[in-house]
Amino acid sequence: MSVARTTNGVLDVPIIDLALYLDGTDPDGVAAAVDRAARTVGFMQVVGHGIPAETLAAFTAATDAFFAADPAAKGAYRCPPGVNRGYTPPKAESLANSLGLTSAADLFEAFNVGTEAASFADLDLSEADYGTNVWPAVPGFREAVEAWFAEAGRVARAMTRVFGRALGLGDAGLTPFTDHSIDVLRMINYRLPAADVELEADQVGMGAHTDYGIVTVLWADAVPGLEILDDEGAWQPVQPAPGALLVNLGDALARWTNDRWISTMHRVAAPRVDGVLVPRRSAAFFHDGNVDAVIAPLPTCVDADHPALYEAVTVGEHLAAKLAASRGGTLATNATREASRLGGPLTL
């Protein structure tokens, strides 16, 4: 559970300069800072990531062009249920369901791309796990999105190396779990009704959830909305520093670390400025691990005082349960404990 402090009503999310790891200036200092953030809040702000401003500008222009299209045009890129690719219209998901909480449908719309089975031609991987991407007929969209995907993936892999060092496994310690990782980039647009509309009582931009995999690299507009659940069960707003990416840990890594590190509950409230609903955009890169990797507590995180808390499960099994729950299917296995933090009803 998060024990992060708040300052002037804002959660203290540490700022970490990744450049000090990448250039070899202070890799141990970066690893120690990441360990502290991972133990206390599960989120961090990463600067020194090296993503060019022009890459972000091209990416946001491309996603804006796609989301500005009419619903029928976007709907042509909707994939069948269970395929984590393509377009998701507003109110098609309720992320809180992945924790067993009942809530109104989320307001966001999204477009997903990810690693394909063809990306690992030497492995016999299933398209059910490494789906084939669909690409909108928007000039420059694929090129801009692929460029951002590559940069966000580079940051995620660098963070994973830092994690290995911080956990006493060495920089390559998590490589066996990530060398053919399921990676997904979810581009999100909070497609809100009119600014003066009355929302349902429990309706939010994106419902309360934890992320599912190893690490998430998030870019977001400088618009209010993102909130993290603190140690007292209160929602605290998070506003990233200029130029920073938000990085947070997922459930798989929490399980691997035997809950030494935290997969923190978060949500996106309906974004408002001065009480008025406003647009908001974000892009989350999920680095989730190899489909066949076994998630079991790491040896450096288990001892006589800290016995293993989890049974072994594969990344594929873990992700399938979480995705099914968010889309109205079966309840994810760790939902009961997580939902109890919010005091909400369970759908079993």
Protein backbone atom coordinates (compact mmCIF):
# COMPACT_ATOMS: atom_id res chain seq x y z
CA MET A 1 0.00 0.00 0.00
CA SER A 2 1.27 3.48 -0.81
CA VAL A 3 2.66 5.50 2.07
CA ALA A 4 3.56 8.55 0.01
CA ARG A 5 3.28 12.00 1.57
CA THR A 6 1.33 14.92 0.17
CA THR A 7 2.61 18.48 -0.14
CA ASN A 8 0.00 21.23 -0.47
CA GLY A 9 -2.56 18.62 -1.41
CA VAL A 10 -0.39 17.07 -4.15
CA LEU A 11 1.14 13.61 -3.83
CA ASP A 12 4.93 13.57 -3.59
CA VAL A 13 5.98 11.70 -6.74
CA PRO A 14 9.80 11.68 -6.87
CA ILE A 15 11.64 13.09 -9.90
CA ILE A 16 14.35 10.75 -11.18
CA ASP A 17 16.98 11.74 -13.74
CA LEU A 18 17.36 8.68 -15.95
CA ALA A 19 20.28 10.30 -17.79
CA LEU A 20 22.45 9.62 -14.72
CA TYR A 21 21.89 5.91 -15.34
CA LEU A 22 22.06 5.99 -19.12
CA ASP A 23 25.39 7.84 -19.25
CA GLY A 24 26.92 5.92 -16.36
CA THR A 25 27.29 8.97 -14.12
CA ASP A 26 25.45 7.54 -11.10
CA PRO A 27 23.66 4.25 -11.85
CA ASP A 28 23.60 3.16 -8.22
CA GLY A 29 22.08 6.48 -7.15
CA VAL A 30 19.34 6.12 -9.74
CA ALA A 31 18.68 2.53 -8.64
CA ALA A 32 18.43 3.61 -5.00
CA ALA A 33 16.02 6.43 -5.87
CA VAL A 34 13.88 4.04 -7.90
CA ASP A 35 13.83 1.55 -5.02
CA ARG A 36 12.61 4.25 -2.62
CA ALA A 37 9.88 5.38 -5.01
CA ALA A 38 8.85 1.80 -5.76
CA ARG A 39 8.56 0.97 -2.05
CA THR A 40 6.55 4.06 -1.10
CA VAL A 41 4.38 5.30 -3.97
CA GLY A 42 4.84 3.04 -7.01
CA PHE A 43 5.04 6.10 -9.28
CA MET A 44 7.93 8.31 -10.32
CA GLN A 45 8.54 11.21 -12.68
CA VAL A 46 11.35 10.48 -15.11
CA VAL A 47 13.36 13.26 -16.70
CA GLY A 48 16.55 12.87 -18.75
CA HIS A 49 14.79 10.23 -20.84
CA GLY A 50 16.11 11.63 -24.11
CA ILE A 51 12.91 11.50 -26.19
CA PRO A 52 13.14 14.30 -28.79
CA ALA A 53 10.48 17.02 -28.60
CA GLU A 54 9.78 16.64 -32.31
CA THR A 55 8.92 12.96 -31.82
CA LEU A 56 6.29 13.90 -29.25
CA ALA A 57 4.95 16.72 -31.44
CA ALA A 58 4.51 14.42 -34.44
CA PHE A 59 2.93 11.74 -32.27
CA THR A 60 0.34 14.02 -30.66
CA ALA A 61 -0.52 15.57 -34.04
CA ALA A 62 -1.13 12.11 -35.49
CA THR A 63 -3.30 10.94 -32.63
CA ASP A 64 -5.26 14.20 -32.65
CA ALA A 65 -5.99 13.68 -36.35
CA PHE A 66 -7.29 10.18 -35.73
CA PHE A 67 -9.48 11.01 -32.73
CA ALA A 68 -10.96 14.01 -34.60
CA ALA A 69 -12.52 11.65 -37.16
CA ASP A 70 -16.23 10.84 -36.98
CA PRO A 71 -17.32 7.81 -34.92
CA ALA A 72 -18.11 5.67 -37.98
CA ALA A 73 -14.63 6.18 -39.43
CA LYS A 74 -12.97 5.29 -36.14
CA GLY A 75 -15.31 2.35 -35.62
CA ALA A 76 -13.94 0.72 -38.75
CA TYR A 77 -10.78 -0.03 -36.75
CA ARG A 78 -12.53 -1.72 -33.86
CA CYS A 79 -11.23 -5.25 -33.26
CA PRO A 80 -13.17 -8.25 -31.93
CA PRO A 81 -13.45 -8.72 -28.16
CA GLY A 82 -10.30 -10.27 -26.73
CA VAL A 83 -8.02 -8.66 -29.32
CA ASN A 84 -6.05 -5.93 -27.57
CA ARG A 85 -5.54 -3.86 -30.71
CA GLY A 86 -7.33 -1.13 -32.64
CA TYR A 87 -10.03 1.29 -31.58
CA THR A 88 -12.08 1.30 -28.38
CA PRO A 89 -15.07 3.70 -28.36
CA PRO A 90 -16.18 5.70 -25.32
CA LYS A 91 -17.98 3.78 -22.56
CA ALA A 92 -16.82 0.40 -23.91
CA GLU A 93 -14.81 -0.45 -20.79
CA SER A 94 -14.87 -0.05 -17.05
CA LEU A 95 -11.33 -0.40 -15.71
CA ALA A 96 -12.62 -0.66 -12.15
CA ASN A 97 -14.05 -4.06 -13.10
CA SER A 98 -10.48 -5.39 -13.20
CA LEU A 99 -10.55 -4.96 -9.41
CA GLY A 100 -14.06 -6.31 -9.02
CA LEU A 101 -15.56 -2.86 -8.40
CA THR A 102 -18.85 -1.86 -9.99
CA SER A 103 -18.93 1.54 -11.69
CA ALA A 104 -20.34 3.47 -14.60
CA ALA A 105 -18.66 2.97 -17.97
CA ASP A 106 -15.47 4.98 -18.46
CA LEU A 107 -15.54 8.06 -20.69
CA PHE A 108 -12.31 7.51 -22.61
CA GLU A 109 -11.77 6.31 -26.16
CA ALA A 110 -8.51 4.65 -27.14
CA PHE A 111 -6.41 3.16 -29.90
CA ASN A 112 -3.98 0.30 -29.20
CA VAL A 113 -0.94 -0.99 -31.05
CA GLY A 114 1.69 -3.41 -29.81
CA THR A 115 4.35 -5.99 -30.48
CA GLU A 116 3.32 -8.56 -33.07
CA ALA A 117 4.18 -12.24 -33.31
CA ALA A 118 6.12 -11.31 -36.46
CA SER A 119 8.37 -9.11 -34.32
CA PHE A 120 9.93 -12.34 -32.99
CA ALA A 121 10.16 -14.43 -36.13
CA ASP A 122 12.42 -17.03 -34.48
CA LEU A 123 9.83 -17.82 -31.81
CA ASP A 124 6.54 -19.65 -32.18
CA LEU A 125 4.32 -16.98 -30.64
CA SER A 126 0.55 -16.84 -30.86
CA GLU A 127 -1.27 -13.89 -32.41
CA ALA A 128 -3.76 -14.28 -29.57
CA ASP A 129 -1.06 -12.80 -27.34
CA TYR A 130 0.99 -10.80 -29.85
CA GLY A 131 -1.79 -9.40 -31.99
CA THR A 132 -1.55 -7.98 -35.48
CA ASN A 133 -1.81 -4.20 -35.58
CA VAL A 134 -4.40 -2.32 -37.58
CA TRP A 135 -3.42 1.10 -38.90
CA PRO A 136 -5.83 3.96 -39.65
CA ALA A 137 -5.75 5.59 -43.06
CA VAL A 138 -4.48 8.86 -41.53
CA PRO A 139 -1.44 10.33 -43.31
CA GLY A 140 1.67 9.95 -41.19
CA PHE A 141 -0.14 8.17 -38.34
CA ARG A 142 1.74 4.87 -38.51
CA GLU A 143 5.16 6.49 -38.82
CA ALA A 144 4.58 8.88 -35.90
CA VAL A 145 3.11 6.20 -33.66
CA GLU A 146 5.87 3.70 -34.42
CA ALA A 147 8.47 6.36 -33.59
CA TRP A 148 6.85 7.04 -30.21
CA PHE A 149 6.44 3.31 -29.58
CA ALA A 150 10.18 2.82 -30.13
CA GLU A 151 11.14 5.69 -27.82
CA ALA A 152 8.73 4.76 -25.03
CA GLY A 153 9.91 1.15 -25.32
CA ARG A 154 13.51 2.28 -24.99
CA VAL A 155 12.65 4.10 -21.75
CA ALA A 156 10.70 1.08 -20.44
CA ARG A 157 13.61 -1.26 -21.13
CA ALA A 158 16.04 1.15 -19.46
CA MET A 159 13.80 1.29 -16.39
CA THR A 160 13.68 -2.51 -16.34
CA ARG A 161 17.49 -2.60 -16.24
CA VAL A 162 17.41 -0.12 -13.35
CA PHE A 163 14.89 -2.36 -11.59
CA GLY A 164 17.24 -5.33 -11.90
CA ARG A 165 20.05 -3.34 -10.29
CA ALA A 166 17.77 -2.02 -7.54
CA LEU A 167 16.56 -5.54 -6.71
CA GLY A 168 20.10 -6.93 -6.40
CA LEU A 169 19.78 -9.01 -9.57
CA GLY A 170 22.15 -7.00 -11.77
CA ASP A 171 21.17 -4.83 -14.71
CA ALA A 172 20.25 -7.87 -16.83
CA GLY A 173 18.46 -9.63 -14.00
CA LEU A 174 14.96 -9.25 -15.46
CA THR A 175 16.01 -9.87 -19.10
CA PRO A 176 14.90 -13.53 -19.07
CA PHE A 177 11.37 -12.28 -18.35
CA THR A 178 11.33 -9.53 -20.98
CA ASP A 179 13.29 -10.54 -24.11
CA HIS A 180 10.04 -11.07 -26.06
CA SER A 181 7.81 -8.87 -23.95
CA ILE A 182 4.17 -8.21 -24.69
CA ASP A 183 4.28 -4.43 -25.16
CA VAL A 184 1.20 -2.33 -25.87
CA LEU A 185 0.86 1.39 -26.53
CA ARG A 186 -2.58 2.73 -25.64
CA MET A 187 -3.36 6.20 -27.00
CA ILE A 188 -6.18 7.69 -24.94
CA ASN A 189 -8.57 10.54 -25.60
CA TYR A 190 -11.03 11.61 -22.94
CA ARG A 191 -13.94 12.06 -25.32
CA LEU A 192 -16.21 13.99 -23.01
CA PRO A 193 -19.77 15.17 -23.52
CA ALA A 194 -20.53 18.89 -23.59
CA ALA A 195 -18.74 20.93 -20.93
CA ASP A 196 -21.95 21.51 -18.95
CA VAL A 197 -23.26 17.93 -19.07
CA GLU A 198 -24.28 16.12 -15.88
CA LEU A 199 -22.25 12.94 -15.52
CA GLU A 200 -23.42 9.84 -13.68
CA ALA A 201 -22.60 9.92 -9.97
CA ASP A 202 -19.62 7.55 -10.20
CA GLN A 203 -18.57 8.28 -13.79
CA VAL A 204 -14.91 9.09 -14.39
CA GLY A 205 -12.56 9.41 -17.31
CA MET A 206 -10.98 6.06 -16.45
CA GLY A 207 -11.94 3.95 -13.47
CA ALA A 208 -9.78 2.94 -10.53
CA HIS A 209 -7.28 0.27 -11.48
CA THR A 210 -3.75 -0.98 -11.12
CA ASP A 211 -1.66 -1.64 -14.20
CA TYR A 212 -1.15 -5.24 -15.09
CA GLY A 213 2.43 -5.82 -16.18
CA ILE A 214 5.95 -4.75 -15.24
CA VAL A 215 6.19 -1.03 -15.94
CA THR A 216 4.12 1.70 -17.59
CA VAL A 217 5.62 4.74 -19.29
CA LEU A 218 3.00 7.48 -19.47
CA TRP A 219 2.88 10.76 -21.34
CA ALA A 220 -0.06 13.01 -20.50
CA ASP A 221 -1.32 16.51 -21.16
CA ALA A 222 -0.75 19.06 -18.43
CA VAL A 223 -4.44 18.81 -17.58
CA PRO A 224 -5.85 17.70 -14.21
CA GLY A 225 -7.33 14.24 -13.97
CA LEU A 226 -4.79 11.64 -12.91
CA GLU A 227 -5.20 10.65 -9.26
CA ILE A 228 -3.38 8.16 -7.05
CA LEU A 229 -4.85 6.41 -4.02
CA ASP A 230 -2.83 7.26 -0.92
CA ASP A 231 -2.26 5.21 2.23
CA GLU A 232 -5.38 6.62 3.89
CA GLY A 233 -7.70 5.73 1.02
CA ALA A 234 -7.95 9.27 -0.38
CA TRP A 235 -7.48 10.21 -4.03
CA GLN A 236 -4.57 12.59 -4.58
CA PRO A 237 -3.99 14.54 -7.82
CA VAL A 238 -0.75 14.13 -9.74
CA GLN A 239 0.58 16.80 -12.06
CA PRO A 240 3.79 15.79 -13.86
CA ALA A 241 6.71 18.20 -14.04
CA PRO A 242 7.33 19.85 -17.43
CA GLY A 243 9.03 17.40 -19.77
CA ALA A 244 8.69 14.47 -17.37
CA LEU A 245 7.21 11.09 -18.13
CA LEU A 246 5.28 9.34 -15.39
CA VAL A 247 6.48 5.80 -14.74
CA ASN A 248 4.58 3.37 -12.56
CA LEU A 249 4.83 -0.26 -11.62
CA GLY A 250 2.34 -2.98 -12.51
CA ASP A 251 0.88 -5.97 -10.73
CA ALA A 252 3.30 -8.46 -12.27
CA LEU A 253 6.31 -6.62 -10.84
CA ALA A 254 4.61 -6.30 -7.45
CA ARG A 255 4.16 -10.08 -7.47
CA TRP A 256 7.74 -10.68 -8.60
CA THR A 257 9.00 -8.47 -5.74
CA ASN A 258 6.73 -10.20 -3.23
CA ASP A 259 5.03 -6.84 -2.56
CA ARG A 260 8.32 -5.15 -1.69
CA TRP A 261 7.35 -2.78 -4.51
CA ILE A 262 3.91 -1.32 -5.06
CA SER A 263 1.47 -1.47 -7.95
CA THR A 264 -0.49 1.62 -7.01
CA MET A 265 -4.19 2.15 -7.54
CA HIS A 266 -4.92 5.11 -9.78
CA ARG A 267 -7.69 6.57 -11.90
CA VAL A 268 -8.46 9.52 -14.16
CA ALA A 269 -11.23 11.74 -12.85
CA ALA A 270 -13.38 13.51 -15.42
CA PRO A 271 -10.87 16.30 -16.27
CA ARG A 272 -12.04 19.72 -15.13
CA VAL A 273 -10.51 23.18 -15.02
CA ASP A 274 -12.39 25.73 -12.88
CA GLY A 275 -15.23 23.23 -12.64
CA VAL A 276 -15.63 22.89 -16.42
CA LEU A 277 -15.03 19.63 -18.30
CA VAL A 278 -12.02 19.94 -20.61
CA PRO A 279 -10.29 17.65 -23.16
CA ARG A 280 -7.38 15.50 -22.04
CA ARG A 281 -4.97 13.18 -23.89
CA SER A 282 -2.47 10.59 -22.73
CA ALA A 283 -0.44 7.69 -24.06
CA ALA A 284 0.50 4.69 -21.91
CA PHE A 285 3.22 2.25 -22.97
CA PHE A 286 2.82 -1.05 -21.13
CA HIS A 287 5.91 -3.27 -20.84
CA ASP A 288 4.31 -6.47 -19.58
CA GLY A 289 6.88 -9.27 -19.94
CA ASN A 290 7.11 -12.47 -21.96
CA VAL A 291 3.86 -14.37 -22.35
CA ASP A 292 5.51 -17.56 -21.07
CA ALA A 293 7.47 -15.93 -18.22
CA VAL A 294 6.57 -17.31 -14.81
CA ILE A 295 5.67 -14.69 -12.21
CA ALA A 296 6.88 -15.94 -8.84
CA PRO A 297 8.58 -14.02 -6.01
CA LEU A 298 12.22 -13.29 -6.80
CA PRO A 299 14.85 -14.89 -4.57
CA THR A 300 16.15 -11.49 -3.43
CA CYS A 301 12.64 -10.63 -2.19
CA VAL A 302 11.98 -13.77 -0.14
CA ASP A 303 13.49 -14.73 3.22
CA ALA A 304 12.45 -16.07 6.61
CA ASP A 305 10.79 -12.76 7.51
CA HIS A 306 9.20 -12.32 4.08
CA PRO A 307 7.79 -15.65 2.88
CA ALA A 308 6.45 -15.93 -0.66
CA LEU A 309 2.99 -14.39 -0.89
CA TYR A 310 2.01 -15.60 -4.35
CA GLU A 311 1.70 -18.82 -6.26
CA ALA A 312 3.36 -18.97 -9.65
CA VAL A 313 1.39 -17.85 -12.71
CA THR A 314 2.49 -17.03 -16.24
CA VAL A 315 2.37 -13.50 -17.63
CA GLY A 316 -0.11 -14.71 -20.26
CA GLU A 317 -2.48 -16.14 -17.68
CA HIS A 318 -2.21 -13.04 -15.51
CA LEU A 319 -2.89 -10.60 -18.35
CA ALA A 320 -5.80 -12.63 -19.71
CA ALA A 321 -7.56 -12.55 -16.35
CA LYS A 322 -7.07 -8.81 -15.96
CA LEU A 323 -8.20 -7.92 -19.49
CA ALA A 324 -11.28 -10.15 -19.24
CA ALA A 325 -12.30 -8.46 -16.01
CA SER A 326 -11.92 -4.92 -17.37
CA ARG A 327 -14.21 -5.81 -20.27
CA GLY A 328 -16.91 -7.32 -18.11
CA GLY A 329 -15.66 -10.89 -17.82
CA THR A 330 -14.33 -12.89 -14.92
CA LEU A 331 -12.87 -11.28 -11.83
CA ALA A 332 -9.09 -11.00 -11.67
CA THR A 333 -7.52 -13.19 -8.98
CA ASN A 334 -6.13 -10.38 -6.81
CA ALA A 335 -9.20 -8.17 -7.10
CA THR A 336 -10.65 -8.84 -3.66
CA ARG A 337 -7.66 -7.45 -1.79
CA GLU A 338 -7.32 -4.42 -4.08
CA ALA A 339 -11.02 -3.57 -4.06
CA SER A 340 -11.13 -3.67 -0.28
CA ARG A 341 -8.87 -0.60 -0.24
CA LEU A 342 -11.66 1.36 -1.88
CA GLY A 343 -14.39 -0.19 0.23
CA GLY A 344 -16.37 -0.99 -2.88
CA PRO A 345 -18.76 -3.79 -3.72
CA LEU A 346 -17.42 -6.84 -5.51
CA THR A 347 -18.84 -8.52 -8.58
CA LEU A 348 -17.96 -12.17 -8.10
